Each structure stands twice: as structure tokens, then as C-alpha cells.
Amino acid sequence: MVDYKRVGLRIQKQRKEKGLSQEQLAELIGISLSFLGHIERGTRKASVETLARICKALDADMHYIVFGDPSGHSVNSELLRELRELVQRY
């Protein structure tokens, strides 16, 4: 199961490491500042497409953002491949 609060915290961490404000990231990926705030707090769920745009903008690994395990061991390889393909599209 996905822990959306932790997803939001990882997005926030990556955004801050890139030196971006919430407003800048929201504009880059085409969502409202309010929605990005909800995503970062874990109070709203982002679509896979929105997560892919966030990961692309932050140059972040989608598996890490969603699951928190940078090694890729906790998800099957087919799902991981599909997630990476989605990120490449955005």
C-alpha cells in the first residue's frame, strides 16, 4: 500500500534539494499551487501522470518517490519498467 504522506514528504524533500518553491514546481508541471500543497501533505492523491511529471521536473526516480526504496527491490520489475516508461513520456 502507498503511504501518501511519505510520498508527499519525499516530493517536498526533492523539490527543496532542487531549490524550487512550490509555486515554481506547480507551474512547471501544470497544476495549481494548492493541489501541489495537498500532494506534499499527503491529503490528496496525484494521478500517475502527475507523479510522472513531478518526477521528470525534479529528476527524481519514481520508484523512490512512490515506495521510498531506491534499490527497487520492493516492487516487481514489470511495474517498475512501466513506471519508468511513464516518466520518460512526460
Protein backbone atom coordinates (compact mmCIF):
# COMPACT_ATOMS: atom_id res chain seq x y z
CA MET A 1 0.00 0.00 0.00
CA VAL A 2 1.19 3.52 -0.82
CA ASP A 3 1.71 5.91 2.09
CA TYR A 4 0.72 9.24 0.53
CA LYS A 5 2.08 11.31 3.41
CA ARG A 6 5.51 9.78 2.85
CA VAL A 7 5.17 10.27 -0.92
CA GLY A 8 4.47 13.94 -0.24
CA LEU A 9 7.43 14.27 2.09
CA ARG A 10 9.75 12.70 -0.49
CA ILE A 11 8.43 15.08 -3.18
CA GLN A 12 8.92 18.03 -0.85
CA LYS A 13 12.46 16.90 0.00
CA GLN A 14 13.41 16.51 -3.66
CA ARG A 15 11.82 19.87 -4.55
CA LYS A 16 13.78 21.66 -1.83
CA GLU A 17 17.01 19.92 -2.88
CA LYS A 18 16.44 21.29 -6.40
CA GLY A 19 15.94 24.77 -4.94
CA LEU A 20 12.38 25.07 -6.24
CA SER A 21 9.47 26.70 -4.48
CA GLN A 22 6.08 25.01 -4.51
CA GLU A 23 4.90 27.72 -6.89
CA GLN A 24 7.74 27.06 -9.32
CA LEU A 25 7.19 23.29 -9.34
CA ALA A 26 3.42 23.64 -9.69
CA GLU A 27 3.92 25.92 -12.70
CA LEU A 28 6.49 23.56 -14.25
CA ILE A 29 4.14 20.59 -14.12
CA GLY A 30 0.89 22.41 -14.85
CA ILE A 31 -1.04 22.01 -11.59
CA SER A 32 -2.28 24.52 -9.05
CA LEU A 33 -0.16 25.56 -6.10
CA SER A 34 -2.96 24.41 -3.81
CA PHE A 35 -3.01 20.91 -5.34
CA LEU A 36 0.77 20.58 -5.02
CA GLY A 37 0.49 21.60 -1.37
CA HIS A 38 -2.09 18.87 -0.83
CA ILE A 39 0.14 16.31 -2.58
CA GLU A 40 3.10 17.27 -0.38
CA ARG A 41 0.97 16.99 2.77
CA GLY A 42 -0.49 13.67 1.64
CA THR A 43 -4.06 14.94 1.80
CA ARG A 44 -4.75 14.41 -1.92
CA LYS A 45 -3.60 11.70 -4.31
CA ALA A 46 -1.81 12.55 -7.53
CA SER A 47 -2.50 10.63 -10.71
CA VAL A 48 0.27 8.52 -12.18
CA GLU A 49 0.62 11.12 -14.93
CA THR A 50 1.03 13.93 -12.38
CA LEU A 51 3.56 11.87 -10.42
CA ALA A 52 5.45 11.24 -13.66
CA ARG A 53 5.57 14.99 -14.40
CA ILE A 54 6.74 15.70 -10.84
CA CYS A 55 9.50 13.09 -11.11
CA LYS A 56 10.61 14.39 -14.50
CA ALA A 57 10.70 18.01 -13.25
CA LEU A 58 12.67 17.00 -10.15
CA ASP A 59 14.86 14.48 -11.98
CA ALA A 60 13.71 12.02 -9.32
CA ASP A 61 13.26 8.26 -9.51
CA MET A 62 9.54 7.45 -9.48
CA HIS A 63 10.10 4.23 -7.59
CA TYR A 64 11.83 6.15 -4.81
CA ILE A 65 9.10 8.83 -4.70
CA VAL A 66 6.27 6.29 -4.53
CA PHE A 67 7.81 3.48 -2.50
CA GLY A 68 10.79 5.08 -0.77
CA ASP A 69 13.15 2.23 -1.64
CA PRO A 70 15.80 3.44 -4.10
CA SER A 71 17.06 -0.09 -4.68
CA GLY A 72 13.94 -1.25 -6.50
CA HIS A 73 13.62 -4.48 -4.50
CA SER A 74 10.10 -3.97 -3.16
CA VAL A 75 8.17 -3.94 -6.44
CA ASN A 76 8.10 -6.34 -9.34
CA SER A 77 10.28 -5.48 -12.31
CA GLU A 78 7.34 -5.18 -14.75
CA LEU A 79 5.67 -2.47 -12.66
CA LEU A 80 8.97 -0.67 -12.25
CA ARG A 81 9.53 -0.74 -16.02
CA GLU A 82 6.05 0.69 -16.64
CA LEU A 83 6.63 3.47 -14.12
CA ARG A 84 9.92 4.42 -15.74
CA GLU A 85 8.32 4.43 -19.20
CA LEU A 86 5.64 6.80 -17.92
CA VAL A 87 8.24 9.18 -16.56
CA GLN A 88 10.02 9.20 -19.92
CA ARG A 89 6.82 10.30 -21.66
CA TYR A 90 6.47 13.43 -19.54
